[in-house]
N, C-alpha and C. Protein backbone atom coordinates (compact mmCIF):
# COMPACT_ATOMS: atom_id res chain seq x y z
N MET A 1 -83.72 -27.01 -44.53
CA MET A 1 -83.35 -25.99 -45.49
C MET A 1 -83.80 -26.39 -46.90
N GLN A 2 -83.75 -27.68 -47.19
CA GLN A 2 -84.16 -28.12 -48.51
C GLN A 2 -85.64 -27.85 -48.74
N ASP A 3 -86.46 -27.98 -47.68
CA ASP A 3 -87.89 -27.69 -47.80
C ASP A 3 -88.13 -26.22 -48.13
N LEU A 4 -87.22 -25.36 -47.74
CA LEU A 4 -87.34 -23.93 -48.00
C LEU A 4 -86.65 -23.53 -49.30
N ASP A 5 -86.16 -24.53 -50.04
CA ASP A 5 -85.47 -24.32 -51.32
C ASP A 5 -84.18 -23.50 -51.15
N ILE A 6 -83.47 -23.75 -50.04
CA ILE A 6 -82.17 -23.13 -49.80
C ILE A 6 -81.12 -24.09 -50.31
N GLY A 7 -80.30 -23.65 -51.24
CA GLY A 7 -79.35 -24.54 -51.89
C GLY A 7 -77.95 -24.55 -51.30
N PHE A 8 -77.60 -23.49 -50.59
CA PHE A 8 -76.24 -23.36 -50.07
C PHE A 8 -76.26 -22.95 -48.60
N GLN A 9 -75.17 -23.27 -47.92
CA GLN A 9 -75.01 -22.84 -46.53
C GLN A 9 -73.59 -22.32 -46.35
N GLN A 10 -73.43 -21.43 -45.39
CA GLN A 10 -72.15 -20.78 -45.16
C GLN A 10 -71.70 -21.01 -43.73
N TRP A 11 -70.39 -21.31 -43.58
CA TRP A 11 -69.80 -21.45 -42.24
C TRP A 11 -69.58 -20.06 -41.70
N TRP A 12 -70.13 -19.80 -40.52
CA TRP A 12 -70.02 -18.48 -39.91
C TRP A 12 -69.47 -18.64 -38.50
N SER A 13 -68.37 -18.00 -38.21
CA SER A 13 -67.71 -18.10 -36.92
C SER A 13 -67.98 -16.85 -36.09
N ALA A 14 -67.90 -16.99 -34.79
CA ALA A 14 -68.09 -15.84 -33.89
C ALA A 14 -66.91 -14.87 -33.95
N LYS A 15 -65.79 -15.36 -34.48
CA LYS A 15 -64.57 -14.55 -34.59
C LYS A 15 -64.12 -14.00 -33.24
N ASP A 16 -64.33 -14.78 -32.18
CA ASP A 16 -63.87 -14.34 -30.87
C ASP A 16 -62.73 -15.23 -30.38
N SER A 17 -62.31 -15.04 -29.15
CA SER A 17 -61.15 -15.77 -28.62
C SER A 17 -61.41 -17.26 -28.42
N ARG A 18 -62.67 -17.70 -28.49
CA ARG A 18 -62.98 -19.13 -28.29
C ARG A 18 -62.97 -19.93 -29.59
N VAL A 19 -62.86 -19.28 -30.73
CA VAL A 19 -62.91 -19.96 -32.02
C VAL A 19 -61.63 -20.75 -32.24
N ARG A 20 -61.78 -22.01 -32.64
CA ARG A 20 -60.60 -22.86 -32.89
C ARG A 20 -59.78 -22.30 -34.04
N GLY A 21 -58.47 -22.42 -33.89
CA GLY A 21 -57.56 -21.97 -34.93
C GLY A 21 -56.56 -20.94 -34.42
N ARG A 22 -56.80 -20.42 -33.26
CA ARG A 22 -55.88 -19.43 -32.68
C ARG A 22 -54.68 -20.11 -32.01
N ASN A 23 -54.88 -21.32 -31.53
CA ASN A 23 -53.84 -22.08 -30.85
C ASN A 23 -53.24 -23.07 -31.84
N PRO A 24 -51.91 -23.13 -31.95
CA PRO A 24 -51.28 -24.08 -32.89
C PRO A 24 -51.65 -25.54 -32.63
N LYS A 25 -52.11 -25.88 -31.43
CA LYS A 25 -52.49 -27.25 -31.11
C LYS A 25 -53.92 -27.59 -31.57
N ASP A 26 -54.68 -26.58 -32.01
CA ASP A 26 -56.06 -26.82 -32.46
C ASP A 26 -56.06 -27.74 -33.68
N LYS A 27 -56.94 -28.75 -33.65
CA LYS A 27 -57.06 -29.67 -34.79
C LYS A 27 -57.84 -29.03 -35.94
N ALA A 28 -58.65 -28.06 -35.63
CA ALA A 28 -59.47 -27.40 -36.65
C ALA A 28 -59.14 -25.91 -36.69
N ASP A 29 -59.31 -25.31 -37.85
CA ASP A 29 -59.08 -23.87 -37.98
C ASP A 29 -60.34 -23.23 -38.56
N TYR A 30 -61.23 -22.84 -37.65
CA TYR A 30 -62.50 -22.25 -38.07
C TYR A 30 -62.33 -20.80 -38.48
N ILE A 31 -61.21 -20.20 -38.11
CA ILE A 31 -60.94 -18.83 -38.53
C ILE A 31 -60.77 -18.80 -40.04
N LYS A 32 -60.00 -19.74 -40.59
CA LYS A 32 -59.80 -19.80 -42.04
C LYS A 32 -61.07 -20.22 -42.77
N MET A 33 -61.92 -21.01 -42.10
CA MET A 33 -63.15 -21.51 -42.72
C MET A 33 -64.25 -20.45 -42.76
N HIS A 34 -64.14 -19.41 -41.96
CA HIS A 34 -65.19 -18.39 -41.88
C HIS A 34 -65.57 -17.91 -43.28
N GLY A 35 -66.83 -18.04 -43.61
CA GLY A 35 -67.32 -17.61 -44.92
C GLY A 35 -67.37 -18.69 -45.97
N GLU A 36 -66.84 -19.88 -45.67
CA GLU A 36 -66.85 -20.98 -46.64
C GLU A 36 -68.30 -21.36 -46.99
N ILE A 37 -68.57 -21.58 -48.27
CA ILE A 37 -69.92 -21.90 -48.74
C ILE A 37 -69.92 -23.27 -49.41
N VAL A 38 -70.92 -24.10 -49.04
CA VAL A 38 -71.10 -25.42 -49.66
C VAL A 38 -72.59 -25.62 -49.95
N ARG A 39 -72.91 -26.59 -50.79
CA ARG A 39 -74.30 -26.95 -51.03
C ARG A 39 -74.88 -27.57 -49.77
N VAL A 40 -76.15 -27.36 -49.52
CA VAL A 40 -76.82 -27.97 -48.37
C VAL A 40 -76.68 -29.48 -48.47
N GLY A 41 -76.24 -30.11 -47.39
CA GLY A 41 -76.03 -31.56 -47.35
C GLY A 41 -74.60 -31.98 -47.63
N ASP A 42 -73.78 -31.08 -48.20
CA ASP A 42 -72.37 -31.38 -48.45
C ASP A 42 -71.55 -31.04 -47.20
N GLU A 43 -70.41 -31.69 -47.09
CA GLU A 43 -69.51 -31.41 -45.97
C GLU A 43 -68.69 -30.15 -46.24
N PHE A 44 -68.38 -29.46 -45.15
CA PHE A 44 -67.43 -28.36 -45.25
C PHE A 44 -66.03 -28.95 -45.32
N SER A 45 -65.02 -28.14 -45.53
CA SER A 45 -63.65 -28.63 -45.71
C SER A 45 -63.12 -29.37 -44.49
N ASN A 46 -63.74 -29.19 -43.33
CA ASN A 46 -63.29 -29.88 -42.12
C ASN A 46 -64.03 -31.21 -41.91
N GLY A 47 -64.93 -31.57 -42.83
CA GLY A 47 -65.65 -32.84 -42.75
C GLY A 47 -66.96 -32.77 -42.00
N LEU A 48 -67.31 -31.60 -41.44
CA LEU A 48 -68.56 -31.44 -40.72
C LEU A 48 -69.67 -30.95 -41.65
N LEU A 49 -70.91 -31.27 -41.30
CA LEU A 49 -72.05 -30.81 -42.08
C LEU A 49 -72.52 -29.42 -41.65
N HIS A 50 -72.20 -29.05 -40.41
CA HIS A 50 -72.56 -27.74 -39.87
C HIS A 50 -71.76 -27.53 -38.59
N PRO A 51 -71.64 -26.27 -38.14
CA PRO A 51 -70.96 -26.04 -36.86
C PRO A 51 -71.68 -26.80 -35.74
N GLY A 52 -70.91 -27.42 -34.88
CA GLY A 52 -71.48 -28.17 -33.77
C GLY A 52 -71.94 -29.57 -34.15
N ASP A 53 -71.58 -30.04 -35.34
CA ASP A 53 -71.97 -31.39 -35.81
C ASP A 53 -71.33 -32.43 -34.89
N LYS A 54 -72.11 -33.02 -34.03
CA LYS A 54 -71.59 -33.99 -33.05
C LYS A 54 -71.51 -35.41 -33.64
N GLY A 55 -72.08 -35.62 -34.82
CA GLY A 55 -72.08 -36.93 -35.43
C GLY A 55 -70.78 -37.26 -36.15
N ARG A 56 -69.86 -36.34 -36.21
CA ARG A 56 -68.60 -36.56 -36.92
C ARG A 56 -67.44 -36.08 -36.06
N LYS A 57 -66.30 -36.70 -36.23
CA LYS A 57 -65.11 -36.30 -35.49
C LYS A 57 -64.14 -35.59 -36.44
N ILE A 58 -63.47 -34.60 -35.91
CA ILE A 58 -62.44 -33.89 -36.68
C ILE A 58 -61.13 -34.61 -36.45
N GLU A 59 -60.52 -35.03 -37.52
CA GLU A 59 -59.23 -35.73 -37.43
C GLU A 59 -58.09 -34.74 -37.33
């Protein structure tokens, strides 16, 4: 994205029944994060760099 001069990225959820946050036991709430915007390379509020980031664990 940086090569394309894109400065920001947005968390976008499918908003379906599989999205984390519907169950009180979910460690993450992607429903609330939907639409969150950060600079490219910065972490989102859940500590991930992008959806599906396997290099980081959600506490």
